[in-house]
Each structure stands twice: as structure tokens, then as C-alpha cells.
Amino acid sequence: MLPGIQRAAGLSVAELQQIATDRPGPGQTKLVPGRSEGAALARIALKGEGDLVLMLYQDGTGTELDRALAGEPLRKATEAPAGRLR
């Protein structure tokens, strides 16, 4: 999953390493480092083994991010549907 996250969020290797080290636990949602907080990951708790990850991000390559949909508002927008998946 990490290569897909790196590509979608436009992360550097250092930022990707930070996600790999400090990834969200099951049931948690975190902002992705870098990109001015324009991406968030939610890890959904599953019954049994495996992972399910929901990622929302702004595809604003070359443009400024919409600040109303970045940072904490984006984290909350990611957390809401993730909380309904079980």
C-alpha cells in the first residue's frame, strides 16, 4: 500500500518512511505528513487479519490546496465514513 500512498499524496521518501513508522492504528485517522496536510489516512478495524485503509486527498498538483478541505477538516471528513465501516 505504501507505494500507492506515496504516489497519490506526492510524498518524499522521508515522508513515506514517517507514515510507515507512525501509521494509524486500527480505528485511527491521521493526516499524511507533507502536502500542507492535504491528505489523510484512516485504518479500519477488521474482524480477523488484514488491513483496510481509506485515504482522502486533494489532487492539487501545481495548485494551492483548498484550505477548507485540508488539515483537521480533511481528517474529520476521512474519519466519518471510516467510523461507519466495520
PDB file of N, CA and C in Angstrom:
ATOM      1  N   MET A   1       0.807  -1.205   0.000  1.00  0.00           N
ATOM      2  CA  MET A   1       0.000   0.000   0.000  1.00  0.00           C
ATOM      3  C   MET A   1       0.847   1.264   0.000  1.00  0.00           C
ATOM      4  N   LEU A   2       2.030   1.182   0.579  1.00  0.00           N
ATOM      5  CA  LEU A   2       2.833   2.393   0.706  1.00  0.00           C
ATOM      6  C   LEU A   2       3.170   3.048  -0.639  1.00  0.00           C
ATOM      7  N   PRO A   3       3.524   2.286  -1.686  1.00  0.00           N
ATOM      8  CA  PRO A   3       3.786   2.952  -2.965  1.00  0.00           C
ATOM      9  C   PRO A   3       2.573   3.718  -3.497  1.00  0.00           C
ATOM     10  N   GLY A   4       1.395   3.169  -3.326  1.00  0.00           N
ATOM     11  CA  GLY A   4       0.182   3.864  -3.761  1.00  0.00           C
ATOM     12  C   GLY A   4      -0.063   5.130  -2.969  1.00  0.00           C
ATOM     13  N   ILE A   5       0.178   5.072  -1.676  1.00  0.00           N
ATOM     14  CA  ILE A   5       0.023   6.255  -0.823  1.00  0.00           C
ATOM     15  C   ILE A   5       1.044   7.311  -1.225  1.00  0.00           C
ATOM     16  N   GLN A   6       2.285   6.875  -1.460  1.00  0.00           N
ATOM     17  CA  GLN A   6       3.334   7.814  -1.852  1.00  0.00           C
ATOM     18  C   GLN A   6       2.978   8.512  -3.159  1.00  0.00           C
ATOM     19  N   ARG A   7       2.517   7.763  -4.128  1.00  0.00           N
ATOM     20  CA  ARG A   7       2.173   8.312  -5.438  1.00  0.00           C
ATOM     21  C   ARG A   7       0.977   9.266  -5.338  1.00  0.00           C
ATOM     22  N   ALA A   8      -0.071   8.835  -4.662  1.00  0.00           N
ATOM     23  CA  ALA A   8      -1.285   9.647  -4.573  1.00  0.00           C
ATOM     24  C   ALA A   8      -1.060  10.938  -3.796  1.00  0.00           C
ATOM     25  N   ALA A   9      -0.292  10.859  -2.715  1.00  0.00           N
ATOM     26  CA  ALA A   9      -0.088  12.028  -1.863  1.00  0.00           C
ATOM     27  C   ALA A   9       1.145  12.832  -2.254  1.00  0.00           C
ATOM     28  N   GLY A  10       1.922  12.340  -3.226  1.00  0.00           N
ATOM     29  CA  GLY A  10       3.105  13.068  -3.657  1.00  0.00           C
ATOM     30  C   GLY A  10       4.144  13.198  -2.561  1.00  0.00           C
ATOM     31  N   LEU A  11       4.390  12.113  -1.853  1.00  0.00           N
ATOM     32  CA  LEU A  11       5.288  12.142  -0.699  1.00  0.00           C
ATOM     33  C   LEU A  11       6.740  11.907  -1.088  1.00  0.00           C
ATOM     34  N   SER A  12       7.623  12.496  -0.314  1.00  0.00           N
ATOM     35  CA  SER A  12       9.045  12.197  -0.438  1.00  0.00           C
ATOM     36  C   SER A  12       9.310  10.859   0.256  1.00  0.00           C
ATOM     37  N   VAL A  13      10.500  10.328   0.061  1.00  0.00           N
ATOM     38  CA  VAL A  13      10.864   9.070   0.727  1.00  0.00           C
ATOM     39  C   VAL A  13      10.839   9.247   2.246  1.00  0.00           C
ATOM     40  N   ALA A  14      11.317  10.380   2.737  1.00  0.00           N
ATOM     41  CA  ALA A  14      11.324  10.642   4.181  1.00  0.00           C
ATOM     42  C   ALA A  14       9.894  10.703   4.734  1.00  0.00           C
ATOM     43  N   GLU A  15       8.992  11.347   4.002  1.00  0.00           N
ATOM     44  CA  GLU A  15       7.602  11.431   4.448  1.00  0.00           C
ATOM     45  C   GLU A  15       6.944  10.053   4.431  1.00  0.00           C
ATOM     46  N   LEU A  16       7.254   9.257   3.420  1.00  0.00           N
ATOM     47  CA  LEU A  16       6.716   7.896   3.354  1.00  0.00           C
ATOM     48  C   LEU A  16       7.229   7.059   4.517  1.00  0.00           C
ATOM     49  N   GLN A  17       8.501   7.217   4.851  1.00  0.00           N
ATOM     50  CA  GLN A  17       9.080   6.489   5.983  1.00  0.00           C
ATOM     51  C   GLN A  17       8.381   6.878   7.283  1.00  0.00           C
ATOM     52  N   GLN A  18       8.036   8.151   7.415  1.00  0.00           N
ATOM     53  CA  GLN A  18       7.324   8.610   8.617  1.00  0.00           C
ATOM     54  C   GLN A  18       5.967   7.920   8.725  1.00  0.00           C
ATOM     55  N   ILE A  19       5.268   7.766   7.600  1.00  0.00           N
ATOM     56  CA  ILE A  19       3.976   7.068   7.624  1.00  0.00           C
ATOM     57  C   ILE A  19       4.169   5.610   8.006  1.00  0.00           C
ATOM     58  N   ALA A  20       5.185   4.973   7.431  1.00  0.00           N
ATOM     59  CA  ALA A  20       5.437   3.561   7.728  1.00  0.00           C
ATOM     60  C   ALA A  20       5.757   3.361   9.202  1.00  0.00           C
ATOM     61  N   THR A  21       6.434   4.314   9.800  1.00  0.00           N
ATOM     62  CA  THR A  21       6.818   4.217  11.209  1.00  0.00           C
ATOM     63  C   THR A  21       5.678   4.596  12.142  1.00  0.00           C
ATOM     64  N   ASP A  22       4.917   5.610  11.753  1.00  0.00           N
ATOM     65  CA  ASP A  22       3.867   6.168  12.624  1.00  0.00           C
ATOM     66  C   ASP A  22       2.500   6.042  11.957  1.00  0.00           C
ATOM     67  N   ARG A  23       2.208   4.858  11.433  1.00  0.00           N
ATOM     68  CA  ARG A  23       0.928   4.666  10.740  1.00  0.00           C
ATOM     69  C   ARG A  23      -0.224   4.654  11.740  1.00  0.00           C
ATOM     70  N   PRO A  24      -1.429   4.958  11.272  1.00  0.00           N
ATOM     71  CA  PRO A  24      -2.572   4.933  12.179  1.00  0.00           C
ATOM     72  C   PRO A  24      -2.846   3.509  12.655  1.00  0.00           C
ATOM     73  N   GLY A  25      -3.257   3.388  13.888  1.00  0.00           N
ATOM     74  CA  GLY A  25      -3.678   2.100  14.407  1.00  0.00           C
ATOM     75  C   GLY A  25      -5.095   1.803  13.938  1.00  0.00           C
ATOM     76  N   PRO A  26      -5.555   0.568  14.104  1.00  0.00           N
ATOM     77  CA  PRO A  26      -6.929   0.249  13.727  1.00  0.00           C
ATOM     78  C   PRO A  26      -7.911   1.203  14.413  1.00  0.00           C
ATOM     79  N   GLY A  27      -8.800   1.785  13.633  1.00  0.00           N
ATOM     80  CA  GLY A  27      -9.783   2.722  14.169  1.00  0.00           C
ATOM     81  C   GLY A  27      -9.284   4.154  14.264  1.00  0.00           C
ATOM     82  N   GLN A  28      -8.055   4.418  13.835  1.00  0.00           N
ATOM     83  CA  GLN A  28      -7.493   5.767  13.915  1.00  0.00           C
ATOM     84  C   GLN A  28      -7.437   6.428  12.540  1.00  0.00           C
ATOM     85  N   THR A  29      -7.452   7.756  12.553  1.00  0.00           N
ATOM     86  CA  THR A  29      -7.303   8.562  11.346  1.00  0.00           C
ATOM     87  C   THR A  29      -6.209   9.576  11.597  1.00  0.00           C
ATOM     88  N   LYS A  30      -5.281   9.701  10.632  1.00  0.00           N
ATOM     89  CA  LYS A  30      -4.178  10.648  10.773  1.00  0.00           C
ATOM     90  C   LYS A  30      -3.986  11.415   9.479  1.00  0.00           C
ATOM     91  N   LEU A  31      -3.491  12.638   9.637  1.00  0.00           N
ATOM     92  CA  LEU A  31      -3.101  13.418   8.475  1.00  0.00           C
ATOM     93  C   LEU A  31      -1.784  12.877   7.939  1.00  0.00           C
ATOM     94  N   VAL A  32      -1.627  12.915   6.638  1.00  0.00           N
ATOM     95  CA  VAL A  32      -0.392  12.492   5.993  1.00  0.00           C
ATOM     96  C   VAL A  32       0.584  13.655   6.068  1.00  0.00           C
ATOM     97  N   PRO A  33       1.841  13.395   6.447  1.00  0.00           N
ATOM     98  CA  PRO A  33       2.816  14.492   6.525  1.00  0.00           C
ATOM     99  C   PRO A  33       3.083  15.076   5.139  1.00  0.00           C
ATOM    100  N   GLY A  34       3.469  16.330   5.115  1.00  0.00           N
ATOM    101  CA  GLY A  34       3.756  16.975   3.844  1.00  0.00           C
ATOM    102  C   GLY A  34       2.478  17.434   3.164  1.00  0.00           C
ATOM    103  N   ARG A  35       2.611  17.908   1.944  1.00  0.00           N
ATOM    104  CA  ARG A  35       1.475  18.364   1.126  1.00  0.00           C
ATOM    105  C   ARG A  35       0.576  19.364   1.854  1.00  0.00           C
ATOM    106  N   SER A  36       1.085  20.053   2.834  1.00  0.00           N
ATOM    107  CA  SER A  36       0.296  21.039   3.576  1.00  0.00           C
ATOM    108  C   SER A  36      -0.971  20.428   4.159  1.00  0.00           C
ATOM    109  N   GLU A  37      -0.852  19.193   4.618  1.00  0.00           N
ATOM    110  CA  GLU A  37      -1.964  18.474   5.241  1.00  0.00           C
ATOM    111  C   GLU A  37      -3.146  18.325   4.294  1.00  0.00           C
ATOM    112  N   GLY A  38      -2.856  17.973   3.051  1.00  0.00           N
ATOM    113  CA  GLY A  38      -3.896  17.784   2.053  1.00  0.00           C
ATOM    114  C   GLY A  38      -4.248  16.331   1.815  1.00  0.00           C
ATOM    115  N   ALA A  39      -3.845  15.441   2.750  1.00  0.00           N
ATOM    116  CA  ALA A  39      -4.183  14.022   2.627  1.00  0.00           C
ATOM    117  C   ALA A  39      -4.337  13.428   4.029  1.00  0.00           C
ATOM    118  N   ALA A  40      -5.255  12.472   4.146  1.00  0.00           N
ATOM    119  CA  ALA A  40      -5.493  11.811   5.430  1.00  0.00           C
ATOM    120  C   ALA A  40      -5.721  10.323   5.195  1.00  0.00           C
ATOM    121  N   LEU A  41      -5.299   9.519   6.184  1.00  0.00           N
ATOM    122  CA  LEU A  41      -5.456   8.062   6.146  1.00  0.00           C
ATOM    123  C   LEU A  41      -6.276   7.607   7.339  1.00  0.00           C
ATOM    124  N   ALA A  42      -7.180   6.683   7.098  1.00  0.00           N
ATOM    125  CA  ALA A  42      -7.930   6.044   8.182  1.00  0.00           C
ATOM    126  C   ALA A  42      -7.704   4.544   8.059  1.00  0.00           C
ATOM    127  N   ARG A  43      -7.372   3.923   9.166  1.00  0.00           N
ATOM    128  CA  ARG A  43      -7.201   2.468   9.185  1.00  0.00           C
ATOM    129  C   ARG A  43      -8.430   1.875   9.856  1.00  0.00           C
ATOM    130  N   ILE A  44      -9.112   1.025   9.140  1.00  0.00           N
ATOM    131  CA  ILE A  44     -10.374   0.468   9.608  1.00  0.00           C
ATOM    132  C   ILE A  44     -10.118  -0.875  10.275  1.00  0.00           C
ATOM    133  N   ALA A  45     -10.668  -1.032  11.457  1.00  0.00           N
ATOM    134  CA  ALA A  45     -10.519  -2.282  12.199  1.00  0.00           C
ATOM    135  C   ALA A  45     -11.322  -3.384  11.518  1.00  0.00           C
ATOM    136  N   LEU A  46     -10.671  -4.481  11.230  1.00  0.00           N
ATOM    137  CA  LEU A  46     -11.319  -5.624  10.591  1.00  0.00           C
ATOM    138  C   LEU A  46     -11.496  -6.761  11.576  1.00  0.00           C
ATOM    139  N   LYS A  47     -12.447  -7.614  11.298  1.00  0.00           N
ATOM    140  CA  LYS A  47     -12.559  -8.862  12.038  1.00  0.00           C
ATOM    141  C   LYS A  47     -11.591  -9.822  11.364  1.00  0.00           C
ATOM    142  N   GLY A  48     -10.670 -10.375  12.106  1.00  0.00           N
ATOM    143  CA  GLY A  48      -9.676 -11.259  11.510  1.00  0.00           C
ATOM    144  C   GLY A  48      -8.434 -10.494  11.099  1.00  0.00           C
ATOM    145  N   GLU A  49      -7.714 -11.035  10.129  1.00  0.00           N
ATOM    146  CA  GLU A  49      -6.442 -10.454   9.724  1.00  0.00           C
ATOM    147  C   GLU A  49      -6.610  -9.534   8.519  1.00  0.00           C
ATOM    148  N   GLY A  50      -5.595  -8.721   8.297  1.00  0.00           N
ATOM    149  CA  GLY A  50      -5.579  -7.847   7.139  1.00  0.00           C
ATOM    150  C   GLY A  50      -5.794  -6.394   7.514  1.00  0.00           C
ATOM    151  N   ASP A  51      -5.701  -5.561   6.517  1.00  0.00           N
ATOM    152  CA  ASP A  51      -5.861  -4.120   6.698  1.00  0.00           C
ATOM    153  C   ASP A  51      -6.822  -3.574   5.664  1.00  0.00           C
ATOM    154  N   LEU A  52      -7.549  -2.569   6.062  1.00  0.00           N
ATOM    155  CA  LEU A  52      -8.383  -1.799   5.159  1.00  0.00           C
ATOM    156  C   LEU A  52      -8.059  -0.338   5.461  1.00  0.00           C
ATOM    157  N   VAL A  53      -7.617   0.386   4.442  1.00  0.00           N
ATOM    158  CA  VAL A  53      -7.210   1.774   4.628  1.00  0.00           C
ATOM    159  C   VAL A  53      -8.036   2.652   3.697  1.00  0.00           C
ATOM    160  N   LEU A  54      -8.543   3.738   4.241  1.00  0.00           N
ATOM    161  CA  LEU A  54      -9.275   4.736   3.471  1.00  0.00           C
ATOM    162  C   LEU A  54      -8.391   5.973   3.409  1.00  0.00           C
ATOM    163  N   MET A  55      -8.193   6.500   2.200  1.00  0.00           N
ATOM    164  CA  MET A  55      -7.378   7.697   2.047  1.00  0.00           C
ATOM    165  C   MET A  55      -8.163   8.730   1.251  1.00  0.00           C
ATOM    166  N   LEU A  56      -8.205   9.936   1.770  1.00  0.00           N
ATOM    167  CA  LEU A  56      -8.767  11.075   1.046  1.00  0.00           C
ATOM    168  C   LEU A  56      -7.642  12.073   0.842  1.00  0.00           C
ATOM    169  N   TYR A  57      -7.554  12.617  -0.360  1.00  0.00           N
ATOM    170  CA  TYR A  57      -6.526  13.612  -0.625  1.00  0.00           C
ATOM    171  C   TYR A  57      -6.996  14.563  -1.712  1.00  0.00           C
ATOM    172  N   GLN A  58      -6.390  15.747  -1.699  1.00  0.00           N
ATOM    173  CA  GLN A  58      -6.653  16.719  -2.743  1.00  0.00           C
ATOM    174  C   GLN A  58      -5.638  16.512  -3.850  1.00  0.00           C
ATOM    175  N   ASP A  59      -6.105  16.375  -5.050  1.00  0.00           N
ATOM    176  CA  ASP A  59      -5.221  16.237  -6.193  1.00  0.00           C
ATOM    177  C   ASP A  59      -4.978  17.621  -6.758  1.00  0.00           C
ATOM    178  N   GLY A  60      -4.138  18.354  -6.083  1.00  0.00           N
ATOM    179  CA  GLY A  60      -3.882  19.734  -6.473  1.00  0.00           C
ATOM    180  C   GLY A  60      -2.482  19.937  -6.992  1.00  0.00           C
ATOM    181  N   THR A  61      -1.991  19.017  -7.793  1.00  0.00           N
ATOM    182  CA  THR A  61      -0.647  19.128  -8.328  1.00  0.00           C
ATOM    183  C   THR A  61      -0.475  20.461  -9.044  1.00  0.00           C
ATOM    184  N   GLY A  62       0.471  21.242  -8.563  1.00  0.00           N
ATOM    185  CA  GLY A  62       0.754  22.526  -9.192  1.00  0.00           C
ATOM    186  C   GLY A  62      -0.183  23.646  -8.788  1.00  0.00           C
ATOM    187  N   THR A  63      -1.166  23.354  -7.942  1.00  0.00           N
ATOM    188  CA  THR A  63      -2.084  24.400  -7.489  1.00  0.00           C
ATOM    189  C   THR A  63      -2.110  24.392  -5.966  1.00  0.00           C
ATOM    190  N   GLU A  64      -2.626  25.456  -5.403  1.00  0.00           N
ATOM    191  CA  GLU A  64      -2.760  25.514  -3.953  1.00  0.00           C
ATOM    192  C   GLU A  64      -3.941  24.672  -3.506  1.00  0.00           C
ATOM    193  N   LEU A  65      -3.798  24.095  -2.310  1.00  0.00           N
ATOM    194  CA  LEU A  65      -4.879  23.295  -1.747  1.00  0.00           C
ATOM    195  C   LEU A  65      -6.004  24.191  -1.250  1.00  0.00           C
ATOM    196  N   ASP A  66      -7.201  23.669  -1.293  1.00  0.00           N
ATOM    197  CA  ASP A  66      -8.349  24.343  -0.694  1.00  0.00           C
ATOM    198  C   ASP A  66      -8.208  24.172   0.812  1.00  0.00           C
ATOM    199  N   ARG A  67      -7.885  25.225   1.516  1.00  0.00           N
ATOM    200  CA  ARG A  67      -7.622  25.147   2.963  1.00  0.00           C
ATOM    201  C   ARG A  67      -8.855  24.697   3.746  1.00  0.00           C
ATOM    202  N   ALA A  68     -10.050  24.899   3.214  1.00  0.00           N
ATOM    203  CA  ALA A  68     -11.265  24.454   3.916  1.00  0.00           C
ATOM    204  C   ALA A  68     -11.365  22.929   3.923  1.00  0.00           C
ATOM    205  N   LEU A  69     -10.619  22.269   3.027  1.00  0.00           N
ATOM    206  CA  LEU A  69     -10.649  20.814   2.939  1.00  0.00           C
ATOM    207  C   LEU A  69      -9.260  20.223   3.191  1.00  0.00           C
ATOM    208  N   ALA A  70      -8.494  20.858   4.051  1.00  0.00           N
ATOM    209  CA  ALA A  70      -7.152  20.384   4.400  1.00  0.00           C
ATOM    210  C   ALA A  70      -7.017  20.398   5.920  1.00  0.00           C
ATOM    211  N   GLY A  71      -5.996  19.742   6.411  1.00  0.00           N
ATOM    212  CA  GLY A  71      -5.747  19.725   7.840  1.00  0.00           C
ATOM    213  C   GLY A  71      -6.867  19.025   8.604  1.00  0.00           C
ATOM    214  N   GLU A  72      -7.261  19.607   9.705  1.00  0.00           N
ATOM    215  CA  GLU A  72      -8.260  18.990  10.580  1.00  0.00           C
ATOM    216  C   GLU A  72      -9.607  18.742   9.891  1.00  0.00           C
ATOM    217  N   PRO A  73     -10.124  19.654   9.051  1.00  0.00           N
ATOM    218  CA  PRO A  73     -11.371  19.341   8.342  1.00  0.00           C
ATOM    219  C   PRO A  73     -11.250  18.095   7.456  1.00  0.00           C
ATOM    220  N   LEU A  74     -10.119  17.915   6.812  1.00  0.00           N
ATOM    221  CA  LEU A  74      -9.923  16.731   5.980  1.00  0.00           C
ATOM    222  C   LEU A  74      -9.821  15.469   6.834  1.00  0.00           C
ATOM    223  N   ARG A  75      -9.132  15.580   7.967  1.00  0.00           N
ATOM    224  CA  ARG A  75      -9.029  14.424   8.867  1.00  0.00           C
ATOM    225  C   ARG A  75     -10.421  14.001   9.332  1.00  0.00           C
ATOM    226  N   LYS A  76     -11.246  14.956   9.705  1.00  0.00           N
ATOM    227  CA  LYS A  76     -12.604  14.642  10.150  1.00  0.00           C
ATOM    228  C   LYS A  76     -13.452  14.062   9.015  1.00  0.00           C
ATOM    229  N   ALA A  77     -13.263  14.588   7.797  1.00  0.00           N
ATOM    230  CA  ALA A  77     -14.008  14.068   6.651  1.00  0.00           C
ATOM    231  C   ALA A  77     -13.610  12.632   6.336  1.00  0.00           C
ATOM    232  N   THR A  78     -12.385  12.272   6.605  1.00  0.00           N
ATOM    233  CA  THR A  78     -11.907  10.899   6.397  1.00  0.00           C
ATOM    234  C   THR A  78     -12.388   9.996   7.517  1.00  0.00           C
ATOM    235  N   GLU A  79     -12.385  10.518   8.715  1.00  0.00           N
ATOM    236  CA  GLU A  79     -12.766   9.738   9.896  1.00  0.00           C
ATOM    237  C   GLU A  79     -14.247   9.353   9.885  1.00  0.00           C
ATOM    238  N   ALA A  80     -15.101  10.240   9.382  1.00  0.00           N
ATOM    239  CA  ALA A  80     -16.555   9.997   9.424  1.00  0.00           C
ATOM    240  C   ALA A  80     -16.963   8.719   8.701  1.00  0.00           C
ATOM    241  N   PRO A  81     -16.629   8.520   7.421  1.00  0.00           N
ATOM    242  CA  PRO A  81     -17.048   7.269   6.769  1.00  0.00           C
ATOM    243  C   PRO A  81     -16.282   6.065   7.291  1.00  0.00           C
ATOM    244  N   ALA A  82     -15.040   6.286   7.697  1.00  0.00           N
ATOM    245  CA  ALA A  82     -14.251   5.155   8.222  1.00  0.00           C
ATOM    246  C   ALA A  82     -14.899   4.603   9.500  1.00  0.00           C
ATOM    247  N   GLY A  83     -15.496   5.481  10.295  1.00  0.00           N
ATOM    248  CA  GLY A  83     -16.137   5.047  11.529  1.00  0.00           C
ATOM    249  C   GLY A  83     -17.379   4.205  11.294  1.00  0.00           C
ATOM    250  N   ARG A  84     -17.954   4.315  10.109  1.00  0.00           N
ATOM    251  CA  ARG A  84     -19.151   3.530   9.792  1.00  0.00           C
ATOM    252  C   ARG A  84     -18.820   2.162   9.168  1.00  0.00           C
ATOM    253  N   LEU A  85     -17.575   1.980   8.781  1.00  0.00           N
ATOM    254  CA  LEU A  85     -17.164   0.706   8.187  1.00  0.00           C
ATOM    255  C   LEU A  85     -16.681  -0.242   9.282  1.00  0.00           C
ATOM    256  N   ARG A  86     -17.286  -1.393   9.348  1.00  0.00           N
ATOM    257  CA  ARG A  86     -16.902  -2.383  10.362  1.00  0.00           C
ATOM    258  C   ARG A  86     -17.017  -3.757   9.789  1.00  0.00           C
TER     259      ARG A  86
END
